[in-house]
Amino acid sequence: MHIEDQKILPALSNFKSIKEFIKSKNIYCILIDFQLAELEDIVLELKENNKKIIVHVDLIKGLASNEFGVIYLIQKLHIDGIISTKHQAILLAKKRGIIAIQRIFLKDSLSLEKSLKLVNKVNPDYLEILPAISNSILTTIIKRTSMKVFCGGLIQNQSQIDDCLQNGAVGVTTSNTSLWNQ
């Protein structure tokens, strides 16, 4: 299974969500908001349950979202991919052969232009666009980058997921457990 075959990417931020995810049919997950000291045991448990792990390197407490942090995740924990807003982390992930997802925030036209310029230079495997409710601009982003896009942030219901998918997203990221098995 490829990551884009899974329309919902669960974002796990606590131990209860890990248990829910393990019971789900989903394969890929995103780890956010954990402490670095917790990651090794979490990754081991997920791997034992045949799950694939994407780590949001900017949102792990105690982990530097730089070259050294990414190398640690790859070499020590054998993760399957990363998400980051930092282009150096994305470049290293690509170089090391793991999934590289560039997260961009759409605040205004200027942030969109700067993000698209960087994305076209870095060429990540996927984009994650936040907030997901800005999905009406997806066709423009996809056309200008030729990237596969996930939408994330502020997703509260199935209708919002459907809107993202209908506007060209390959999937959505969400921590809302009630939406994981839709």
N, C-alpha and C. Protein backbone atom coordinates (compact mmCIF):
# COMPACT_ATOMS: atom_id res chain seq x y z
N MET A 1 0.84 -1.19 0.00
CA MET A 1 0.00 0.00 0.00
C MET A 1 0.88 1.24 0.00
N HIS A 2 0.54 2.19 -0.85
CA HIS A 2 1.21 3.49 -0.86
C HIS A 2 0.46 4.44 0.05
N ILE A 3 1.15 5.43 0.51
CA ILE A 3 0.54 6.37 1.45
C ILE A 3 -0.69 7.04 0.86
N GLU A 4 -0.67 7.36 -0.44
CA GLU A 4 -1.83 8.05 -1.01
C GLU A 4 -3.03 7.14 -1.22
N ASP A 5 -2.85 5.83 -1.05
CA ASP A 5 -3.98 4.90 -1.10
C ASP A 5 -4.84 4.99 0.16
N GLN A 6 -4.30 5.59 1.20
CA GLN A 6 -5.01 5.75 2.47
C GLN A 6 -5.52 7.19 2.53
N LYS A 7 -6.82 7.37 2.40
CA LYS A 7 -7.40 8.72 2.29
C LYS A 7 -7.36 9.50 3.60
N ILE A 8 -7.30 8.81 4.72
CA ILE A 8 -7.21 9.47 6.03
C ILE A 8 -5.87 9.08 6.66
N LEU A 9 -5.06 10.07 7.01
CA LEU A 9 -3.81 9.82 7.74
C LEU A 9 -4.04 10.25 9.19
N PRO A 10 -4.21 9.29 10.08
CA PRO A 10 -4.43 9.63 11.49
C PRO A 10 -3.19 10.31 12.10
N ALA A 11 -3.43 11.40 12.79
CA ALA A 11 -2.38 12.09 13.54
C ALA A 11 -2.52 11.69 15.00
N LEU A 12 -1.51 11.00 15.51
CA LEU A 12 -1.54 10.47 16.88
C LEU A 12 -0.79 11.42 17.80
N SER A 13 -1.44 11.83 18.89
CA SER A 13 -0.80 12.76 19.80
C SER A 13 -0.87 12.32 21.26
N ASN A 14 -1.43 11.14 21.51
CA ASN A 14 -1.48 10.63 22.87
C ASN A 14 -1.61 9.09 22.82
N PHE A 15 -1.48 8.46 23.97
CA PHE A 15 -1.46 7.00 23.99
C PHE A 15 -2.82 6.39 23.69
N LYS A 16 -3.89 7.11 24.02
CA LYS A 16 -5.23 6.62 23.68
C LYS A 16 -5.39 6.57 22.15
N SER A 17 -4.90 7.58 21.46
CA SER A 17 -5.01 7.59 19.99
C SER A 17 -4.17 6.49 19.36
N ILE A 18 -3.06 6.14 19.98
CA ILE A 18 -2.24 5.03 19.47
C ILE A 18 -3.04 3.73 19.53
N LYS A 19 -3.70 3.49 20.66
CA LYS A 19 -4.51 2.27 20.81
C LYS A 19 -5.64 2.23 19.77
N GLU A 20 -6.29 3.37 19.56
CA GLU A 20 -7.35 3.46 18.56
C GLU A 20 -6.80 3.17 17.16
N PHE A 21 -5.65 3.74 16.86
CA PHE A 21 -5.04 3.56 15.54
C PHE A 21 -4.67 2.09 15.31
N ILE A 22 -4.10 1.46 16.30
CA ILE A 22 -3.70 0.05 16.15
C ILE A 22 -4.91 -0.82 15.82
N LYS A 23 -6.07 -0.48 16.39
CA LYS A 23 -7.29 -1.25 16.11
C LYS A 23 -7.87 -0.94 14.73
N SER A 24 -7.46 0.16 14.14
CA SER A 24 -8.04 0.58 12.86
C SER A 24 -7.42 -0.19 11.69
N LYS A 25 -8.05 -0.07 10.54
CA LYS A 25 -7.55 -0.71 9.34
C LYS A 25 -6.45 0.13 8.66
N ASN A 26 -6.24 1.34 9.13
CA ASN A 26 -5.24 2.21 8.55
C ASN A 26 -3.83 1.67 8.79
N ILE A 27 -2.96 1.92 7.84
CA ILE A 27 -1.56 1.46 7.92
C ILE A 27 -0.64 2.62 8.34
N TYR A 28 -0.78 3.76 7.70
CA TYR A 28 0.10 4.90 7.95
C TYR A 28 -0.47 5.79 9.04
N CYS A 29 0.42 6.37 9.85
CA CYS A 29 0.03 7.34 10.86
C CYS A 29 1.08 8.43 10.94
N ILE A 30 0.72 9.50 11.60
CA ILE A 30 1.63 10.61 11.86
C ILE A 30 1.76 10.76 13.36
N LEU A 31 2.98 10.82 13.85
CA LEU A 31 3.21 11.06 15.28
C LEU A 31 3.48 12.53 15.50
N ILE A 32 2.72 13.13 16.42
CA ILE A 32 2.89 14.54 16.79
C ILE A 32 2.77 14.68 18.30
N ASP A 33 3.42 15.69 18.82
CA ASP A 33 3.21 16.12 20.21
C ASP A 33 3.68 15.13 21.28
N PHE A 34 4.52 14.19 20.91
CA PHE A 34 5.10 13.28 21.90
C PHE A 34 6.46 13.82 22.33
N GLN A 35 6.98 13.28 23.42
CA GLN A 35 8.33 13.61 23.86
C GLN A 35 9.31 12.67 23.16
N LEU A 36 10.50 13.15 22.91
CA LEU A 36 11.53 12.33 22.27
C LEU A 36 11.75 11.03 23.03
N ALA A 37 11.75 11.09 24.36
CA ALA A 37 12.00 9.90 25.17
C ALA A 37 10.93 8.82 24.99
N GLU A 38 9.74 9.19 24.51
CA GLU A 38 8.65 8.24 24.32
C GLU A 38 8.68 7.55 22.94
N LEU A 39 9.37 8.15 22.00
CA LEU A 39 9.28 7.71 20.60
C LEU A 39 9.72 6.28 20.36
N GLU A 40 10.81 5.87 20.95
CA GLU A 40 11.33 4.52 20.67
C GLU A 40 10.30 3.45 21.00
N ASP A 41 9.68 3.53 22.16
CA ASP A 41 8.67 2.54 22.55
C ASP A 41 7.42 2.63 21.67
N ILE A 42 7.03 3.84 21.32
CA ILE A 42 5.85 4.03 20.46
C ILE A 42 6.10 3.43 19.09
N VAL A 43 7.23 3.74 18.50
CA VAL A 43 7.57 3.21 17.17
C VAL A 43 7.64 1.69 17.21
N LEU A 44 8.25 1.13 18.24
CA LEU A 44 8.34 -0.32 18.36
C LEU A 44 6.94 -0.95 18.41
N GLU A 45 6.05 -0.39 19.23
CA GLU A 45 4.70 -0.92 19.33
C GLU A 45 3.96 -0.84 17.99
N LEU A 46 4.10 0.28 17.31
CA LEU A 46 3.42 0.44 16.01
C LEU A 46 3.99 -0.53 14.97
N LYS A 47 5.30 -0.66 14.95
CA LYS A 47 5.94 -1.58 13.99
C LYS A 47 5.52 -3.03 14.28
N GLU A 48 5.42 -3.40 15.54
CA GLU A 48 4.97 -4.75 15.91
C GLU A 48 3.55 -5.04 15.41
N ASN A 49 2.78 -3.98 15.19
CA ASN A 49 1.42 -4.10 14.69
C ASN A 49 1.33 -3.78 13.20
N ASN A 50 2.47 -3.87 12.51
CA ASN A 50 2.56 -3.68 11.06
C ASN A 50 2.05 -2.33 10.58
N LYS A 51 2.36 -1.30 11.34
CA LYS A 51 1.97 0.05 10.97
C LYS A 51 3.19 0.80 10.44
N LYS A 52 2.93 1.81 9.62
CA LYS A 52 4.00 2.65 9.06
C LYS A 52 3.92 4.02 9.71
N ILE A 53 5.09 4.56 10.03
CA ILE A 53 5.17 5.75 10.87
C ILE A 53 5.79 6.93 10.15
N ILE A 54 5.04 8.03 10.14
CA ILE A 54 5.53 9.32 9.68
C ILE A 54 5.66 10.18 10.93
N VAL A 55 6.80 10.79 11.13
CA VAL A 55 7.01 11.63 12.32
C VAL A 55 7.02 13.10 11.89
N HIS A 56 6.22 13.90 12.56
CA HIS A 56 6.27 15.34 12.32
C HIS A 56 7.43 15.89 13.16
N VAL A 57 8.57 16.07 12.53
CA VAL A 57 9.79 16.41 13.27
C VAL A 57 9.73 17.76 13.96
N ASP A 58 8.87 18.65 13.49
CA ASP A 58 8.75 19.97 14.12
C ASP A 58 7.90 19.91 15.40
N LEU A 59 7.16 18.82 15.59
CA LEU A 59 6.21 18.75 16.69
C LEU A 59 6.52 17.63 17.69
N ILE A 60 7.77 17.23 17.78
CA ILE A 60 8.19 16.25 18.79
C ILE A 60 9.03 17.01 19.82
N LYS A 61 8.58 16.99 21.07
CA LYS A 61 9.27 17.73 22.13
C LYS A 61 10.64 17.10 22.40
N GLY A 62 11.67 17.93 22.31
CA GLY A 62 13.02 17.47 22.59
C GLY A 62 13.79 17.03 21.36
N LEU A 63 13.15 16.99 20.20
CA LEU A 63 13.81 16.58 18.96
C LEU A 63 14.16 17.82 18.15
N ALA A 64 15.40 17.93 17.74
CA ALA A 64 15.78 19.03 16.85
C ALA A 64 15.30 18.68 15.44
N SER A 65 14.60 19.59 14.82
CA SER A 65 14.08 19.32 13.48
C SER A 65 15.12 19.73 12.44
N ASN A 66 16.33 19.24 12.66
CA ASN A 66 17.43 19.51 11.75
C ASN A 66 18.01 18.17 11.25
N GLU A 67 19.13 18.25 10.61
CA GLU A 67 19.79 17.07 10.05
C GLU A 67 20.00 15.98 11.10
N PHE A 68 20.44 16.34 12.28
CA PHE A 68 20.74 15.35 13.31
C PHE A 68 19.48 14.66 13.84
N GLY A 69 18.41 15.42 14.00
CA GLY A 69 17.15 14.84 14.44
C GLY A 69 16.59 13.87 13.42
N VAL A 70 16.65 14.25 12.15
CA VAL A 70 16.13 13.39 11.08
C VAL A 70 16.98 12.12 10.96
N ILE A 71 18.29 12.25 11.04
CA ILE A 71 19.17 11.07 10.97
C ILE A 71 18.88 10.12 12.13
N TYR A 72 18.67 10.67 13.32
CA TYR A 72 18.31 9.83 14.48
C TYR A 72 17.05 9.02 14.18
N LEU A 73 16.02 9.69 13.69
CA LEU A 73 14.76 9.01 13.40
C LEU A 73 14.93 7.90 12.36
N ILE A 74 15.73 8.17 11.36
CA ILE A 74 15.93 7.19 10.28
C ILE A 74 16.79 6.03 10.74
N GLN A 75 17.95 6.34 11.32
CA GLN A 75 18.91 5.29 11.66
C GLN A 75 18.54 4.52 12.93
N LYS A 76 18.05 5.19 13.92
CA LYS A 76 17.77 4.54 15.20
C LYS A 76 16.35 3.97 15.27
N LEU A 77 15.37 4.71 14.77
CA LEU A 77 13.98 4.29 14.90
C LEU A 77 13.41 3.67 13.63
N HIS A 78 14.10 3.84 12.52
CA HIS A 78 13.68 3.24 11.24
C HIS A 78 12.26 3.64 10.84
N ILE A 79 11.99 4.94 10.96
CA ILE A 79 10.67 5.45 10.59
C ILE A 79 10.49 5.39 9.06
N ASP A 80 9.27 5.56 8.63
CA ASP A 80 8.95 5.47 7.21
C ASP A 80 8.92 6.82 6.51
N GLY A 81 8.82 7.90 7.28
CA GLY A 81 8.79 9.22 6.67
C GLY A 81 8.72 10.33 7.69
N ILE A 82 8.83 11.55 7.19
CA ILE A 82 8.72 12.73 8.05
C ILE A 82 7.79 13.76 7.42
N ILE A 83 7.29 14.62 8.28
CA ILE A 83 6.62 15.86 7.87
C ILE A 83 7.41 16.98 8.53
N SER A 84 7.62 18.05 7.76
CA SER A 84 8.30 19.21 8.32
C SER A 84 7.99 20.45 7.50
N THR A 85 8.11 21.59 8.13
CA THR A 85 8.05 22.86 7.42
C THR A 85 9.44 23.26 6.95
N LYS A 86 10.45 22.57 7.43
CA LYS A 86 11.84 22.93 7.15
C LYS A 86 12.38 22.18 5.93
N HIS A 87 12.81 22.95 4.95
CA HIS A 87 13.24 22.34 3.69
C HIS A 87 14.48 21.46 3.85
N GLN A 88 15.37 21.77 4.78
CA GLN A 88 16.57 20.94 4.97
C GLN A 88 16.20 19.55 5.45
N ALA A 89 15.21 19.45 6.33
CA ALA A 89 14.74 18.15 6.81
C ALA A 89 14.14 17.36 5.66
N ILE A 90 13.38 18.03 4.80
CA ILE A 90 12.76 17.37 3.65
C ILE A 90 13.83 16.86 2.69
N LEU A 91 14.82 17.68 2.40
CA LEU A 91 15.90 17.26 1.50
C LEU A 91 16.64 16.05 2.03
N LEU A 92 16.89 16.01 3.32
CA LEU A 92 17.60 14.88 3.92
C LEU A 92 16.74 13.61 3.86
N ALA A 93 15.46 13.74 4.13
CA ALA A 93 14.56 12.59 4.05
C ALA A 93 14.56 12.01 2.64
N LYS A 94 14.48 12.87 1.66
CA LYS A 94 14.50 12.41 0.26
C LYS A 94 15.82 11.71 -0.05
N LYS A 95 16.91 12.29 0.41
CA LYS A 95 18.23 11.71 0.17
C LYS A 95 18.35 10.33 0.81
N ARG A 96 17.72 10.15 1.97
CA ARG A 96 17.78 8.87 2.70
C ARG A 96 16.69 7.89 2.29
N GLY A 97 15.84 8.28 1.35
CA GLY A 97 14.87 7.35 0.79
C GLY A 97 13.62 7.09 1.61
N ILE A 98 13.27 8.02 2.50
CA ILE A 98 12.01 7.88 3.23
C ILE A 98 11.02 8.91 2.70
N ILE A 99 9.76 8.75 3.05
CA ILE A 99 8.72 9.68 2.60
C ILE A 99 8.99 11.06 3.17
N ALA A 100 8.93 12.07 2.29
CA ALA A 100 9.17 13.45 2.69
C ALA A 100 7.93 14.28 2.38
N ILE A 101 7.28 14.78 3.44
CA ILE A 101 6.06 15.58 3.29
C ILE A 101 6.37 17.00 3.78
N GLN A 102 6.25 17.95 2.87
CA GLN A 102 6.47 19.36 3.20
C GLN A 102 5.15 19.96 3.67
N ARG A 103 5.14 20.50 4.87
CA ARG A 103 3.93 21.15 5.41
C ARG A 103 4.01 22.64 5.10
N ILE A 104 2.92 23.16 4.54
CA ILE A 104 2.86 24.60 4.31
C ILE A 104 1.56 25.16 4.87
N PHE A 105 1.67 26.38 5.40
CA PHE A 105 0.53 27.08 5.96
C PHE A 105 0.11 28.17 4.99
N LEU A 106 -1.17 28.20 4.67
CA LEU A 106 -1.69 29.23 3.78
C LEU A 106 -2.36 30.31 4.61
N LYS A 107 -1.67 31.43 4.74
CA LYS A 107 -2.21 32.55 5.51
C LYS A 107 -2.72 33.64 4.58
N ASP A 108 -1.98 33.83 3.47
CA ASP A 108 -2.33 34.88 2.53
C ASP A 108 -1.62 34.60 1.21
N SER A 109 -1.78 35.49 0.24
CA SER A 109 -1.19 35.29 -1.09
C SER A 109 0.34 35.26 -1.03
N LEU A 110 0.92 36.06 -0.17
CA LEU A 110 2.38 36.09 -0.07
C LEU A 110 2.91 34.76 0.46
N SER A 111 2.27 34.20 1.49
CA SER A 111 2.72 32.91 2.02
C SER A 111 2.54 31.81 0.98
N LEU A 112 1.49 31.90 0.19
CA LEU A 112 1.28 30.93 -0.89
C LEU A 112 2.42 31.01 -1.90
N GLU A 113 2.75 32.20 -2.35
CA GLU A 113 3.81 32.36 -3.35
C GLU A 113 5.17 31.89 -2.83
N LYS A 114 5.51 32.26 -1.61
CA LYS A 114 6.79 31.84 -1.03
C LYS A 114 6.84 30.32 -0.88
N SER A 115 5.73 29.74 -0.42
CA SER A 115 5.67 28.29 -0.23
C SER A 115 5.82 27.55 -1.56
N LEU A 116 5.12 28.01 -2.58
CA LEU A 116 5.19 27.34 -3.88
C LEU A 116 6.59 27.42 -4.48
N LYS A 117 7.25 28.54 -4.29
CA LYS A 117 8.62 28.69 -4.79
C LYS A 117 9.55 27.68 -4.09
N LEU A 118 9.42 27.57 -2.78
CA LEU A 118 10.24 26.64 -2.01
C LEU A 118 9.93 25.19 -2.37
N VAL A 119 8.65 24.88 -2.48
CA VAL A 119 8.23 23.52 -2.79
C VAL A 119 8.79 23.08 -4.14
N ASN A 120 8.73 23.95 -5.12
CA ASN A 120 9.25 23.60 -6.45
C ASN A 120 10.76 23.44 -6.44
N LYS A 121 11.43 24.08 -5.52
CA LYS A 121 12.89 23.94 -5.39
C LYS A 121 13.25 22.64 -4.66
N VAL A 122 12.54 22.34 -3.59
CA VAL A 122 12.84 21.19 -2.74
C VAL A 122 12.28 19.88 -3.31
N ASN A 123 11.11 19.97 -3.95
CA ASN A 123 10.46 18.82 -4.58
C ASN A 123 10.20 17.66 -3.61
N PRO A 124 9.41 17.91 -2.56
CA PRO A 124 9.09 16.83 -1.62
C PRO A 124 8.23 15.76 -2.30
N ASP A 125 8.06 14.63 -1.63
CA ASP A 125 7.19 13.59 -2.18
C ASP A 125 5.73 14.01 -2.14
N TYR A 126 5.35 14.73 -1.09
CA TYR A 126 3.97 15.17 -0.90
C TYR A 126 3.97 16.52 -0.22
N LEU A 127 2.84 17.21 -0.33
CA LEU A 127 2.60 18.43 0.42
C LEU A 127 1.50 18.17 1.43
N GLU A 128 1.57 18.85 2.56
CA GLU A 128 0.44 18.91 3.47
C GLU A 128 0.08 20.39 3.58
N ILE A 129 -1.14 20.71 3.19
CA ILE A 129 -1.63 22.09 3.18
C ILE A 129 -2.48 22.33 4.41
N LEU A 130 -2.17 23.39 5.14
CA LEU A 130 -2.97 23.78 6.30
C LEU A 130 -3.41 25.22 6.14
N PRO A 131 -4.59 25.59 6.55
CA PRO A 131 -5.62 24.69 7.04
C PRO A 131 -6.36 24.02 5.89
N ALA A 132 -6.95 22.89 6.18
CA ALA A 132 -7.67 22.11 5.16
C ALA A 132 -8.83 22.89 4.57
N ILE A 133 -9.38 23.81 5.33
CA ILE A 133 -10.52 24.58 4.83
C ILE A 133 -10.13 25.53 3.70
N SER A 134 -8.84 25.62 3.38
CA SER A 134 -8.40 26.42 2.24
C SER A 134 -8.31 25.56 0.98
N ASN A 135 -9.07 24.46 0.95
CA ASN A 135 -8.96 23.50 -0.15
C ASN A 135 -9.40 24.05 -1.50
N SER A 136 -10.09 25.17 -1.53
CA SER A 136 -10.52 25.73 -2.81
C SER A 136 -9.33 26.18 -3.67
N ILE A 137 -8.20 26.40 -3.07
CA ILE A 137 -7.00 26.81 -3.81
C ILE A 137 -6.16 25.59 -4.26
N LEU A 138 -6.61 24.40 -3.89
CA LEU A 138 -5.84 23.18 -4.20
C LEU A 138 -5.54 23.01 -5.67
N THR A 139 -6.49 23.24 -6.53
CA THR A 139 -6.24 23.02 -7.96
C THR A 139 -5.10 23.90 -8.44
N THR A 140 -5.02 25.12 -7.95
CA THR A 140 -3.92 26.02 -8.32
C THR A 140 -2.59 25.47 -7.81
N ILE A 141 -2.57 25.02 -6.57
CA ILE A 141 -1.33 24.48 -5.98
C ILE A 141 -0.88 23.24 -6.73
N ILE A 142 -1.79 22.34 -7.00
CA ILE A 142 -1.44 21.11 -7.70
C ILE A 142 -0.93 21.42 -9.11
N LYS A 143 -1.58 22.34 -9.79
CA LYS A 143 -1.17 22.72 -11.14
C LYS A 143 0.23 23.34 -11.15
N ARG A 144 0.52 24.17 -10.15
CA ARG A 144 1.80 24.89 -10.12
C ARG A 144 2.95 24.06 -9.56
N THR A 145 2.64 22.95 -8.88
CA THR A 145 3.71 22.13 -8.29
C THR A 145 3.77 20.71 -8.83
N SER A 146 2.70 20.23 -9.41
CA SER A 146 2.58 18.82 -9.83
C SER A 146 2.76 17.87 -8.66
N MET A 147 2.40 18.30 -7.46
CA MET A 147 2.56 17.50 -6.25
C MET A 147 1.25 16.83 -5.85
N LYS A 148 1.38 15.72 -5.15
CA LYS A 148 0.24 15.10 -4.50
C LYS A 148 0.09 15.80 -3.15
N VAL A 149 -1.15 16.13 -2.80
CA VAL A 149 -1.41 16.99 -1.65
C VAL A 149 -2.33 16.32 -0.64
N PHE A 150 -1.95 16.44 0.63
CA PHE A 150 -2.82 16.10 1.76
C PHE A 150 -3.27 17.43 2.37
N CYS A 151 -4.48 17.46 2.89
CA CYS A 151 -4.98 18.63 3.60
C CYS A 151 -5.06 18.29 5.08
N GLY A 152 -4.77 19.24 5.92
CA GLY A 152 -4.84 19.00 7.36
C GLY A 152 -5.22 20.26 8.10
N GLY A 153 -5.65 20.09 9.32
CA GLY A 153 -5.97 21.21 10.17
C GLY A 153 -7.42 21.63 10.09
N LEU A 154 -8.08 21.63 11.21
CA LEU A 154 -9.45 22.10 11.37
C LEU A 154 -10.51 21.22 10.70
N ILE A 155 -10.18 19.99 10.40
CA ILE A 155 -11.16 19.08 9.81
C ILE A 155 -12.05 18.55 10.92
N GLN A 156 -13.37 18.76 10.75
CA GLN A 156 -14.31 18.38 11.80
C GLN A 156 -15.35 17.38 11.36
N ASN A 157 -15.50 17.15 10.03
CA ASN A 157 -16.55 16.24 9.59
C ASN A 157 -16.25 15.64 8.22
N GLN A 158 -17.05 14.67 7.84
CA GLN A 158 -16.86 13.97 6.58
C GLN A 158 -17.04 14.89 5.38
N SER A 159 -17.92 15.85 5.49
CA SER A 159 -18.15 16.79 4.40
C SER A 159 -16.88 17.57 4.06
N GLN A 160 -16.13 17.97 5.07
CA GLN A 160 -14.87 18.68 4.83
C GLN A 160 -13.84 17.77 4.17
N ILE A 161 -13.82 16.50 4.58
CA ILE A 161 -12.92 15.54 3.94
C ILE A 161 -13.30 15.39 2.47
N ASP A 162 -14.59 15.23 2.20
CA ASP A 162 -15.07 15.09 0.82
C ASP A 162 -14.69 16.31 -0.01
N ASP A 163 -14.82 17.51 0.56
CA ASP A 163 -14.44 18.73 -0.16
C ASP A 163 -12.97 18.72 -0.55
N CYS A 164 -12.12 18.30 0.38
CA CYS A 164 -10.68 18.22 0.09
C CYS A 164 -10.41 17.24 -1.04
N LEU A 165 -11.00 16.07 -0.95
CA LEU A 165 -10.78 15.04 -1.97
C LEU A 165 -11.33 15.48 -3.32
N GLN A 166 -12.48 16.10 -3.34
CA GLN A 166 -13.08 16.57 -4.60
C GLN A 166 -12.28 17.69 -5.24
N ASN A 167 -11.53 18.45 -4.44
CA ASN A 167 -10.71 19.53 -4.97
C ASN A 167 -9.29 19.08 -5.32
N GLY A 168 -9.03 17.77 -5.25
CA GLY A 168 -7.76 17.25 -5.74
C GLY A 168 -6.81 16.69 -4.72
N ALA A 169 -7.13 16.77 -3.43
CA ALA A 169 -6.25 16.19 -2.40
C ALA A 169 -6.27 14.67 -2.53
N VAL A 170 -5.12 14.04 -2.26
CA VAL A 170 -5.07 12.57 -2.24
C VAL A 170 -5.55 12.04 -0.90
N GLY A 171 -5.61 12.90 0.11
CA GLY A 171 -6.05 12.49 1.43
C GLY A 171 -6.03 13.66 2.40
N VAL A 172 -6.38 13.35 3.65
CA VAL A 172 -6.38 14.36 4.71
C VAL A 172 -5.66 13.80 5.93
N THR A 173 -5.11 14.72 6.72
CA THR A 173 -4.51 14.35 8.00
C THR A 173 -5.45 14.88 9.09
N THR A 174 -5.71 14.03 10.09
CA THR A 174 -6.60 14.47 11.17
C THR A 174 -6.32 13.71 12.45
N SER A 175 -6.48 14.39 13.56
CA SER A 175 -6.37 13.74 14.87
C SER A 175 -7.74 13.32 15.39
N ASN A 176 -8.79 13.63 14.65
CA ASN A 176 -10.15 13.31 15.05
C ASN A 176 -10.40 11.82 14.82
N THR A 177 -10.36 11.04 15.89
CA THR A 177 -10.48 9.58 15.78
C THR A 177 -11.80 9.13 15.19
N SER A 178 -12.84 9.91 15.32
CA SER A 178 -14.14 9.51 14.77
C SER A 178 -14.14 9.53 13.24
N LEU A 179 -13.16 10.18 12.64
CA LEU A 179 -13.08 10.26 11.17
C LEU A 179 -12.11 9.26 10.55
N TRP A 180 -11.38 8.52 11.37
CA TRP A 180 -10.33 7.66 10.85
C TRP A 180 -10.83 6.51 9.99
N ASN A 181 -11.99 5.99 10.25
CA ASN A 181 -12.47 4.82 9.52
C ASN A 181 -13.62 5.13 8.59
N GLN A 182 -13.70 6.36 8.16
CA GLN A 182 -14.78 6.76 7.24
C GLN A 182 -14.58 6.11 5.87
